[in-house]
């Protein structure tokens, strides 16, 4: 490597250039590895966000079914004779409470997934920027 100190006075220009090229190749390999690791981390975050969104959609779908059942039971309760249901909370109210809680949980999951998606920036990382600078330096040395 070019960082090693050599005491030979007859060191040729070609060995210096070879050392610089070798160091540059190592640097580019390391930057590609770093960029790969950062992209893998971004993909992991994206997978987590997609899982949260899918779970949120699933919970919201179940809540929609629950609320539809509540509406059917409300219609039944409205059509039944007075004092036909001795419960403190009518059955339609129970379905409504559960459906409302499920809507809140689904909404929370959807917001968490959206927040997670907004934190993912796959091409906006330091390794990519450094690689662009190195490629620019290699193609247009000053």
Protein backbone atom coordinates (compact mmCIF):
# COMPACT_ATOMS: atom_id res chain seq x y z
CA UNK A 1 0.00 0.00 0.00
CA UNK A 2 1.10 3.58 -0.54
CA UNK A 3 0.85 4.38 3.17
CA UNK A 4 3.81 2.16 3.97
CA UNK A 5 7.08 4.06 4.21
CA UNK A 6 9.83 2.75 2.01
CA UNK A 7 13.42 3.90 2.38
CA UNK A 8 14.53 2.93 -1.10
CA UNK A 9 15.70 5.92 -3.09
CA UNK A 10 15.24 4.04 -6.33
CA UNK A 11 11.47 3.73 -5.90
CA UNK A 12 9.97 4.15 -9.31
CA UNK A 13 7.08 6.30 -10.38
CA UNK A 14 5.19 3.23 -11.56
CA UNK A 15 5.26 1.65 -8.11
CA UNK A 16 3.90 4.89 -6.62
CA UNK A 17 1.10 5.05 -9.18
CA UNK A 18 0.35 1.36 -8.63
CA UNK A 19 0.09 1.97 -4.88
CA UNK A 20 -2.23 4.95 -5.41
CA UNK A 21 -4.44 2.97 -7.79
CA UNK A 22 -4.53 0.04 -5.36
CA UNK A 23 -5.50 2.36 -2.50
CA UNK A 24 -8.18 3.96 -4.64
CA UNK A 25 -9.59 0.53 -5.53
CA UNK A 26 -9.70 -0.40 -1.85
CA UNK A 27 -11.43 2.88 -1.05
CA UNK A 28 -14.06 2.35 -3.74
CA UNK A 29 -14.66 -1.23 -2.55
CA UNK A 30 -15.11 -0.01 1.02
CA UNK A 31 -17.49 2.72 -0.11
CA UNK A 32 -19.56 0.22 -2.08
CA UNK A 33 -19.69 -2.01 1.00
CA UNK A 34 -20.76 0.92 3.19
CA UNK A 35 -23.37 1.99 0.64
CA UNK A 36 -24.68 -1.58 0.49
CA UNK A 37 -25.02 -1.71 4.29
CA UNK A 38 -26.85 1.62 4.35
CA UNK A 39 -29.22 0.49 1.58
CA UNK A 40 -29.87 -2.75 3.47
CA UNK A 41 -30.73 -0.70 6.57
CA UNK A 42 -33.10 1.43 4.48
CA UNK A 43 -34.72 -1.70 3.05
CA UNK A 44 -35.19 -3.04 6.58
CA UNK A 45 -36.88 0.21 7.60
CA UNK A 46 -39.07 0.06 4.49
CA UNK A 47 -40.08 -3.52 5.32
CA UNK A 48 -40.98 -2.49 8.88
CA UNK A 49 -43.02 0.45 7.58
CA UNK A 50 -44.85 -1.74 5.08
CA UNK A 51 -45.62 -4.24 7.83
CA UNK A 52 -47.08 -1.50 10.01
CA UNK A 53 -49.18 -0.21 7.12
CA UNK A 54 -50.45 -3.69 6.25
CA UNK A 55 -51.32 -4.38 9.87
CA UNK A 56 -53.10 -1.02 10.07
CA UNK A 57 -55.13 -1.76 6.94
CA UNK A 58 -56.04 -5.19 8.30
CA UNK A 59 -57.21 -3.77 11.62
CA UNK A 60 -59.19 -1.06 9.82
CA UNK A 61 -60.86 -3.70 7.63
CA UNK A 62 -61.88 -5.68 10.71
CA UNK A 63 -63.14 -2.46 12.29
CA UNK A 64 -65.25 -1.75 9.22
CA UNK A 65 -66.86 -5.20 9.52
CA UNK A 66 -67.42 -4.61 13.23
CA UNK A 67 -69.07 -1.25 12.57
CA UNK A 68 -71.29 -2.75 9.86
CA UNK A 69 -72.48 -5.36 12.36
CA UNK A 70 -73.12 -2.53 14.82
CA UNK A 71 -75.33 -0.78 12.28
CA UNK A 72 -77.31 -3.97 11.64
CA UNK A 73 -77.80 -4.51 15.37
CA UNK A 74 -78.77 -0.86 15.84
CA UNK A 75 -81.45 -1.28 13.20
CA UNK A 76 -82.67 -4.41 14.96
CA UNK A 77 -82.68 -2.60 18.34
CA UNK A 78 -84.63 0.33 16.88
CA UNK A 79 -87.22 -2.05 15.41
CA UNK A 80 -87.63 -4.20 18.53
CA UNK A 81 -90.31 -3.45 21.16
CA UNK A 82 -89.35 -1.20 24.10
CA UNK A 83 -87.53 -2.86 27.01
CA UNK A 84 -86.80 -5.99 24.94
CA UNK A 85 -83.10 -5.85 25.86
CA UNK A 86 -82.41 -5.88 29.62
CA UNK A 87 -78.63 -5.22 29.20
CA UNK A 88 -77.11 -1.95 30.44
CA UNK A 89 -75.40 -1.45 27.06
CA UNK A 90 -77.28 -2.72 24.02
CA UNK A 91 -75.49 -5.21 21.80
CA UNK A 92 -75.14 -2.65 19.00
CA UNK A 93 -73.39 -0.31 21.47
CA UNK A 94 -70.92 -3.04 22.38
CA UNK A 95 -70.09 -3.60 18.72
CA UNK A 96 -69.74 0.17 18.29
CA UNK A 97 -67.31 0.48 21.20
CA UNK A 98 -65.16 -2.39 19.97
CA UNK A 99 -65.27 -1.04 16.41
CA UNK A 100 -64.26 2.43 17.60
CA UNK A 101 -61.30 1.05 19.54
CA UNK A 102 -60.23 -0.94 16.48
CA UNK A 103 -60.47 2.16 14.27
CA UNK A 104 -58.25 4.06 16.71
CA UNK A 105 -55.70 1.21 16.79
CA UNK A 106 -55.71 0.89 13.00
CA UNK A 107 -55.32 4.64 12.58
CA UNK A 108 -52.37 4.62 14.97
CA UNK A 109 -50.69 1.81 13.03
CA UNK A 110 -51.23 3.64 9.74
CA UNK A 111 -49.71 6.84 11.15
CA UNK A 112 -46.73 4.91 12.56
CA UNK A 113 -46.15 3.23 9.18
CA UNK A 114 -46.36 6.58 7.37
CA UNK A 115 -43.87 8.13 9.79
CA UNK A 116 -41.51 5.20 9.28
CA UNK A 117 -41.77 5.54 5.48
CA UNK A 118 -40.91 9.22 5.69
CA UNK A 119 -37.71 8.40 7.59
CA UNK A 120 -36.39 6.23 4.73
CA UNK A 121 -34.13 7.99 2.20
CA UNK A 122 -32.31 5.27 0.24
CA UNK A 123 -30.23 7.50 -2.05
CA UNK A 124 -29.61 10.30 0.43
CA UNK A 125 -26.81 8.89 2.55
CA UNK A 126 -23.16 9.82 3.15
CA UNK A 127 -21.73 6.74 1.43
CA UNK A 128 -23.54 7.51 -1.82
CA UNK A 129 -22.40 11.12 -1.72
CA UNK A 130 -18.77 10.11 -1.06
CA UNK A 131 -18.88 7.62 -3.92
CA UNK A 132 -20.22 10.32 -6.27
CA UNK A 133 -17.38 12.62 -5.21
CA UNK A 134 -14.77 9.90 -5.82
CA UNK A 135 -16.17 9.07 -9.24
CA UNK A 136 -16.20 12.76 -10.11
CA UNK A 137 -12.61 13.10 -8.91
CA UNK A 138 -11.51 10.06 -10.92
CA UNK A 139 -13.20 11.26 -14.11
CA UNK A 140 -12.18 14.93 -13.78
CA UNK A 141 -8.95 15.20 -11.79
CA UNK A 142 -7.72 18.76 -11.25
